[in-house]
Amino acid sequence: MEESGAGPGSGLDALRAVTDRVRANIEKVIEGKPEVARTALVVLLAEGHLLIEDVPGVGKTMLSKALARSIDLTVRRIQFTPDLLPSDVTGVSIFNQDTRQFEFRPGGVFANIVIGDEINRASPKTQSAMLECMEERQVTVDNQTFALDAPFMVIATQNPLEMEGTYALPEAQRDRFLARVSMGYPVMAAEIAMLSARNTSSPIDELEPVTDAAEIRKLIGVVGGIHVSSAVLRYAVAVTTATRSSPDLRLGASPRATLHLVRAAKASAAIAGRDYVVPDDLRELAPTVLAHRLLPTVEASMSGRGPAEILAGVLRTVPVPD
């Protein structure tokens, strides 16, 4: 297999074949949500992290598990609770009485896919333990730095802030998630199909891996070779710059957000079978990649305008390149 996206050759063909298999696997568990499954694959191939936000019981954790089980790699789940400690996440050095030396015991983040369940139920101190590993893909404990294996992806779920016992994620942590999605309630036909499929057992138990970590690393290389023209790059920067000057926002998109938007667009183009990015890739992904990073002004919030609505208005003001 090619390790670079040098055109619609075997690299892109293999990428589409693998993503189709993984998506079909996910849809065995999550009925009627193909766009959510596609976004999860875009984030994985863009080497990002995914935040899934919605009310309890709509399948946030099931989506995470389905993606993890579809790929033969290491998976760890961290259940975030108010009493979870930072050392439970990153690991801790323990003194060994026999060897008279400190030994490092890895925490929950030492895996290819880390499922952070209900991340906003932990204290801000514990949430911040994820910052280094999500950005730099390493963990520092007692002045020792440990690299994390590739691919590395955090899939975090969170409940809306109105729910009891939740803490708001800090802006620095939200900015490290490449994309945020909401599951939403299933349509009636999908919910009926779910009841029938789960009458005797859970379909998650029957999922088999359809690819492995080595294959995913090659596909990430294919995505890295997708071409982005200078006009498209200027358009991406123009969109994020426009959020920083919007009178309705007190916090616009960061340079990291611009980088994430372009990476996601490259992954989306590759899944679509193209070896180049078009402006529509950016426009379609902008709400998913940018909205959770934006903070509306008090006036905008009081008038009922949220980040997604403000971002839609910003996109209308930015000229799209030919």
Protein backbone atom coordinates (compact mmCIF):
# COMPACT_ATOMS: atom_id res chain seq x y z
CA MET A 1 0.00 0.00 0.00
CA GLU A 2 1.09 3.55 -0.69
CA GLU A 3 2.01 5.63 2.31
CA SER A 4 1.25 8.96 0.64
CA GLY A 5 -1.77 10.33 -1.17
CA ALA A 6 -0.13 10.74 -4.56
CA GLY A 7 -3.40 10.65 -6.47
CA PRO A 8 -6.44 8.40 -6.56
CA GLY A 9 -4.30 5.26 -6.64
CA SER A 10 -4.03 2.32 -4.32
CA GLY A 11 -3.55 4.56 -1.25
CA LEU A 12 -6.91 6.29 -1.60
CA ASP A 13 -8.61 3.10 -2.77
CA ALA A 14 -7.39 1.27 0.33
CA LEU A 15 -8.44 4.18 2.54
CA ARG A 16 -11.98 4.16 1.18
CA ALA A 17 -12.20 0.38 1.53
CA VAL A 18 -11.07 0.44 5.16
CA THR A 19 -13.27 3.39 6.15
CA ASP A 20 -16.28 1.72 4.49
CA ARG A 21 -15.69 -1.44 6.53
CA VAL A 22 -15.26 0.47 9.80
CA ARG A 23 -18.32 2.61 9.13
CA ALA A 24 -20.41 -0.49 8.36
CA ASN A 25 -19.23 -2.01 11.62
CA ILE A 26 -20.22 1.09 13.60
CA GLU A 27 -23.63 1.21 11.95
CA LYS A 28 -24.35 -2.31 13.22
CA VAL A 29 -24.43 -0.74 16.68
CA ILE A 30 -25.46 2.88 16.08
CA GLU A 31 -28.58 2.89 13.91
CA GLY A 32 -29.35 5.81 11.62
CA LYS A 33 -26.32 8.00 12.41
CA PRO A 34 -24.01 7.66 9.35
CA GLU A 35 -22.81 11.27 9.59
CA VAL A 36 -21.63 10.77 13.18
CA ALA A 37 -19.73 7.61 12.20
CA ARG A 38 -18.10 9.47 9.30
CA THR A 39 -17.04 12.33 11.56
CA ALA A 40 -15.40 9.86 13.95
CA LEU A 41 -13.38 8.42 11.07
CA VAL A 42 -12.40 11.89 9.86
CA VAL A 43 -11.08 12.72 13.34
CA LEU A 44 -9.16 9.43 13.56
CA LEU A 45 -7.45 9.91 10.18
CA ALA A 46 -6.72 13.58 10.96
CA GLU A 47 -4.92 12.49 14.17
CA GLY A 48 -7.36 14.44 16.30
CA HIS A 49 -9.62 13.86 19.29
CA LEU A 50 -13.40 13.67 19.37
CA LEU A 51 -15.82 15.17 21.90
CA ILE A 52 -19.34 13.68 21.91
CA GLU A 53 -21.86 15.81 23.78
CA ASP A 54 -25.48 14.91 24.39
CA VAL A 55 -27.99 13.83 27.00
CA PRO A 56 -27.58 10.42 28.69
CA GLY A 57 -28.74 7.29 26.92
CA VAL A 58 -28.40 8.25 23.24
CA GLY A 59 -25.36 6.07 22.47
CA LYS A 60 -22.30 8.24 23.12
CA THR A 61 -20.31 5.48 24.82
CA MET A 62 -21.60 2.85 22.38
CA LEU A 63 -20.24 4.87 19.46
CA SER A 64 -16.85 5.09 21.16
CA LYS A 65 -16.80 1.36 21.86
CA ALA A 66 -17.92 0.47 18.33
CA LEU A 67 -15.08 2.48 16.76
CA ALA A 68 -12.57 1.01 19.19
CA ARG A 69 -13.72 -2.58 18.58
CA SER A 70 -13.60 -2.12 14.82
CA ILE A 71 -9.83 -1.62 14.93
CA ASP A 72 -7.37 -4.15 16.36
CA LEU A 73 -5.45 -1.90 18.74
CA THR A 74 -5.18 -1.14 22.45
CA VAL A 75 -8.19 0.48 24.10
CA ARG A 76 -8.59 1.85 27.63
CA ARG A 77 -11.68 3.37 29.21
CA ILE A 78 -11.53 6.00 31.94
CA GLN A 79 -14.73 6.64 33.88
CA PHE A 80 -14.46 10.26 34.98
CA THR A 81 -15.91 10.86 38.44
CA PRO A 82 -15.50 13.68 41.00
CA ASP A 83 -12.98 11.63 43.00
CA LEU A 84 -10.82 10.59 40.02
CA LEU A 85 -7.20 11.70 40.52
CA PRO A 86 -4.80 13.04 37.86
CA SER A 87 -2.47 10.10 38.60
CA ASP A 88 -5.30 7.71 37.66
CA VAL A 89 -5.18 9.27 34.19
CA THR A 90 -1.46 9.73 33.58
CA GLY A 91 0.11 7.10 35.85
CA VAL A 92 2.21 7.19 39.01
CA SER A 93 5.69 6.21 40.21
CA ILE A 94 5.59 3.58 42.96
CA PHE A 95 8.55 2.57 45.14
CA ASN A 96 9.45 -1.10 44.76
CA GLN A 97 10.68 -2.50 48.07
CA ASP A 98 12.49 -5.39 46.37
CA THR A 99 14.49 -3.40 43.81
CA ARG A 100 14.69 -0.26 46.00
CA GLN A 101 13.74 1.81 42.95
CA PHE A 102 10.71 3.71 41.74
CA GLU A 103 8.68 2.01 39.02
CA PHE A 104 6.26 3.77 36.73
CA ARG A 105 2.74 2.36 36.57
CA PRO A 106 1.01 3.64 33.40
CA GLY A 107 -2.37 5.32 33.74
CA GLY A 108 -5.45 5.10 31.58
CA VAL A 109 -4.11 7.22 28.72
CA PHE A 110 -1.55 4.61 27.69
CA ALA A 111 -3.54 3.11 24.80
CA ASN A 112 -4.21 3.79 21.13
CA ILE A 113 -7.83 4.77 21.78
CA VAL A 114 -8.78 6.26 25.14
CA ILE A 115 -12.49 6.46 25.94
CA GLY A 116 -13.07 9.23 28.47
CA ASP A 117 -16.60 8.60 29.69
CA GLU A 118 -18.45 11.64 31.08
CA ILE A 119 -15.29 13.73 31.12
CA ASN A 120 -17.06 16.77 32.55
CA ARG A 121 -17.96 14.95 35.78
CA ALA A 122 -14.33 15.09 36.96
CA SER A 123 -12.79 18.09 38.67
CA PRO A 124 -10.93 20.69 36.56
CA LYS A 125 -7.65 19.48 38.09
CA THR A 126 -8.21 15.96 36.78
CA GLN A 127 -9.47 17.21 33.42
CA SER A 128 -6.23 19.17 32.97
CA ALA A 129 -4.25 15.92 33.28
CA MET A 130 -5.33 15.22 29.68
CA LEU A 131 -3.83 18.41 28.21
CA GLU A 132 -0.27 17.23 27.56
CA CYS A 133 -1.17 13.82 26.16
CA MET A 134 -3.82 15.25 23.81
CA GLU A 135 -1.56 17.91 22.32
CA GLU A 136 1.94 16.42 22.50
CA ARG A 137 1.09 12.70 22.64
CA GLN A 138 3.30 12.19 25.66
CA VAL A 139 3.01 12.05 29.44
CA THR A 140 5.42 13.62 31.95
CA VAL A 141 5.48 12.18 35.47
CA ASP A 142 8.19 12.97 38.04
CA ASN A 143 10.34 14.69 35.38
CA GLN A 144 10.22 11.62 33.15
CA THR A 145 8.55 11.82 29.75
CA PHE A 146 6.84 8.78 28.22
CA ALA A 147 5.77 8.78 24.55
CA LEU A 148 2.34 7.43 23.61
CA ASP A 149 1.94 4.92 20.79
CA ALA A 150 0.51 5.98 17.43
CA PRO A 151 -2.26 6.19 16.49
CA PHE A 152 -3.51 7.94 19.61
CA MET A 153 -7.05 9.25 19.92
CA VAL A 154 -9.16 10.42 22.82
CA ILE A 155 -12.90 9.95 22.44
CA ALA A 156 -14.55 11.82 25.29
CA THR A 157 -18.24 11.92 26.11
CA GLN A 158 -19.90 14.63 28.15
CA ASN A 159 -23.37 15.52 29.31
CA PRO A 160 -24.84 19.02 28.84
CA LEU A 161 -23.88 21.51 31.53
CA GLU A 162 -27.48 21.72 32.75
CA MET A 163 -27.14 18.14 34.02
CA GLU A 164 -26.47 17.68 37.72
CA GLY A 165 -22.86 17.10 38.81
CA THR A 166 -21.08 18.43 35.71
CA TYR A 167 -18.16 20.85 35.37
CA ALA A 168 -17.50 23.03 32.33
CA LEU A 169 -14.48 21.95 30.30
CA PRO A 170 -11.76 24.63 30.29
CA GLU A 171 -11.29 26.51 27.01
CA ALA A 172 -7.76 25.07 26.69
CA GLN A 173 -9.14 21.54 26.75
CA ARG A 174 -12.05 22.17 24.39
CA ASP A 175 -9.55 23.63 21.93
CA ARG A 176 -7.64 20.33 21.90
CA PHE A 177 -10.63 18.41 20.58
CA LEU A 178 -10.59 18.49 16.80
CA ALA A 179 -14.35 18.07 16.55
CA ARG A 180 -17.48 17.98 18.66
CA VAL A 181 -20.60 16.08 17.63
CA SER A 182 -24.03 15.50 19.12
CA MET A 183 -25.72 12.13 18.75
CA GLY A 184 -29.31 13.30 18.88
CA TYR A 185 -32.29 11.01 19.34
CA PRO A 186 -32.75 8.25 16.74
CA VAL A 187 -35.60 8.34 14.24
CA MET A 188 -38.50 6.00 15.00
CA ALA A 189 -37.47 3.32 12.47
CA ALA A 190 -33.92 3.23 13.84
CA GLU A 191 -35.16 2.97 17.42
CA ILE A 192 -37.49 0.09 16.52
CA ALA A 193 -34.61 -1.68 14.75
CA MET A 194 -32.46 -1.15 17.85
CA LEU A 195 -35.11 -2.78 20.07
CA SER A 196 -35.27 -5.80 17.78
CA ALA A 197 -31.48 -6.15 17.46
CA ARG A 198 -30.92 -5.98 21.20
CA ASN A 199 -33.71 -8.29 22.23
CA THR A 200 -31.33 -11.08 23.26
CA SER A 201 -27.79 -9.62 23.24
CA SER A 202 -25.83 -6.45 22.59
CA PRO A 203 -24.48 -6.08 19.02
CA ILE A 204 -21.29 -4.53 20.43
CA ASP A 205 -20.30 -8.00 21.69
CA GLU A 206 -20.41 -9.41 18.16
CA LEU A 207 -18.19 -6.80 16.49
CA GLU A 208 -14.90 -8.05 15.04
CA PRO A 209 -11.92 -5.84 14.08
CA VAL A 210 -11.83 -4.98 10.37
CA THR A 211 -8.40 -3.28 10.39
CA ASP A 212 -5.42 -2.78 12.69
CA ALA A 213 -3.10 -0.07 14.02
CA ALA A 214 -0.47 -0.56 11.29
CA GLU A 215 -3.11 -0.08 8.58
CA ILE A 216 -4.43 3.07 10.27
CA ARG A 217 -0.90 4.52 10.46
CA LYS A 218 -0.53 3.99 6.69
CA LEU A 219 -3.88 5.64 6.02
CA ILE A 220 -2.90 8.62 8.16
CA GLY A 221 0.13 8.92 5.87
CA VAL A 222 -2.20 8.92 2.86
CA VAL A 223 -4.23 11.76 4.39
CA GLY A 224 -1.03 13.71 5.04
CA GLY A 225 -0.31 13.68 1.30
CA ILE A 226 -3.66 15.21 0.27
CA HIS A 227 -3.07 18.46 -1.64
CA VAL A 228 -4.34 21.78 -0.27
CA SER A 229 -4.02 24.75 -2.62
CA SER A 230 -2.86 28.15 -1.43
CA ALA A 231 -6.33 29.57 -2.16
CA VAL A 232 -7.97 26.99 0.12
CA LEU A 233 -5.40 27.67 2.85
CA ARG A 234 -6.14 31.40 2.63
CA TYR A 235 -9.85 30.63 2.87
CA ALA A 236 -9.31 28.57 6.03
CA VAL A 237 -7.34 31.39 7.63
CA ALA A 238 -9.96 33.94 6.53
CA VAL A 239 -12.73 31.94 8.23
CA THR A 240 -10.94 31.64 11.58
CA THR A 241 -9.74 35.25 11.42
CA ALA A 242 -13.33 36.39 10.87
CA THR A 243 -14.40 34.67 14.11
CA ARG A 244 -11.76 36.63 16.04
CA SER A 245 -13.15 39.96 14.85
CA SER A 246 -16.85 39.07 15.15
CA PRO A 247 -18.69 41.47 17.49
CA ASP A 248 -20.82 38.55 18.69
CA LEU A 249 -17.85 36.51 19.96
CA ARG A 250 -15.59 37.22 22.91
CA LEU A 251 -13.34 34.29 21.98
CA GLY A 252 -12.71 33.33 18.37
CA ALA A 253 -10.98 30.34 16.80
CA SER A 254 -7.31 29.80 17.64
CA PRO A 255 -4.48 29.02 15.19
CA ARG A 256 -4.78 25.43 16.42
CA ALA A 257 -8.38 25.52 15.22
CA THR A 258 -7.20 26.54 11.74
CA LEU A 259 -4.75 23.63 11.70
CA HIS A 260 -7.46 21.22 12.83
CA LEU A 261 -9.88 22.50 10.20
CA VAL A 262 -7.38 21.88 7.39
CA ARG A 263 -6.43 18.44 8.74
CA ALA A 264 -10.07 17.43 8.97
CA ALA A 265 -10.72 18.71 5.44
CA LYS A 266 -7.85 16.57 4.12
CA ALA A 267 -9.24 13.48 5.83
CA SER A 268 -12.74 14.22 4.54
CA ALA A 269 -11.44 14.67 0.98
CA ALA A 270 -9.55 11.36 1.20
CA ILE A 271 -12.66 9.51 2.41
CA ALA A 272 -14.53 11.05 -0.53
CA GLY A 273 -11.86 9.64 -2.88
CA ARG A 274 -10.20 12.96 -3.75
CA ASP A 275 -6.50 13.75 -3.46
CA TYR A 276 -7.21 17.48 -3.05
CA VAL A 277 -9.28 19.70 -0.75
CA VAL A 278 -12.04 22.00 -1.99
CA PRO A 279 -13.59 24.95 -0.09
CA ASP A 280 -16.80 22.95 0.47
CA ASP A 281 -14.81 20.51 2.63
CA LEU A 282 -13.96 23.39 4.97
CA ARG A 283 -17.47 24.84 4.97
CA GLU A 284 -19.09 21.50 5.78
CA LEU A 285 -16.68 20.76 8.62
CA ALA A 286 -16.51 24.27 10.12
CA PRO A 287 -19.52 23.84 12.49
CA THR A 288 -18.15 20.55 13.83
CA VAL A 289 -14.54 21.73 14.13
CA LEU A 290 -14.96 25.36 15.20
CA ALA A 291 -18.24 25.88 17.07
CA HIS A 292 -17.20 24.30 20.39
CA ARG A 293 -14.17 26.62 20.61
CA LEU A 294 -16.17 29.85 20.31
CA LEU A 295 -17.52 31.90 23.22
CA PRO A 296 -20.42 34.26 22.47
CA THR A 297 -20.65 37.66 24.09
CA VAL A 298 -23.16 38.18 26.89
CA GLU A 299 -25.36 40.18 24.53
CA ALA A 300 -25.38 37.41 21.92
CA SER A 301 -26.18 34.77 24.54
CA MET A 302 -29.03 36.83 25.97
CA SER A 303 -30.52 37.22 22.50
CA GLY A 304 -30.49 33.44 22.09
CA ARG A 305 -27.70 33.18 19.54
CA GLY A 306 -25.31 30.29 20.14
CA PRO A 307 -21.86 29.62 18.65
CA ALA A 308 -23.24 27.54 15.77
CA GLU A 309 -25.63 30.28 14.66
CA ILE A 310 -22.96 32.98 14.95
CA LEU A 311 -20.49 30.83 13.00
CA ALA A 312 -23.05 30.34 10.22
CA GLY A 313 -23.30 34.11 9.92
CA VAL A 314 -19.52 34.47 9.85
CA LEU A 315 -19.24 31.88 7.06
CA ARG A 316 -21.69 33.87 4.95
CA THR A 317 -19.44 36.94 5.16
CA VAL A 318 -16.24 35.20 4.00
CA PRO A 319 -15.85 35.02 0.19
CA VAL A 320 -15.44 31.47 -1.10
CA PRO A 321 -12.54 31.04 -3.57
CA ASP A 322 -13.33 29.79 -7.08
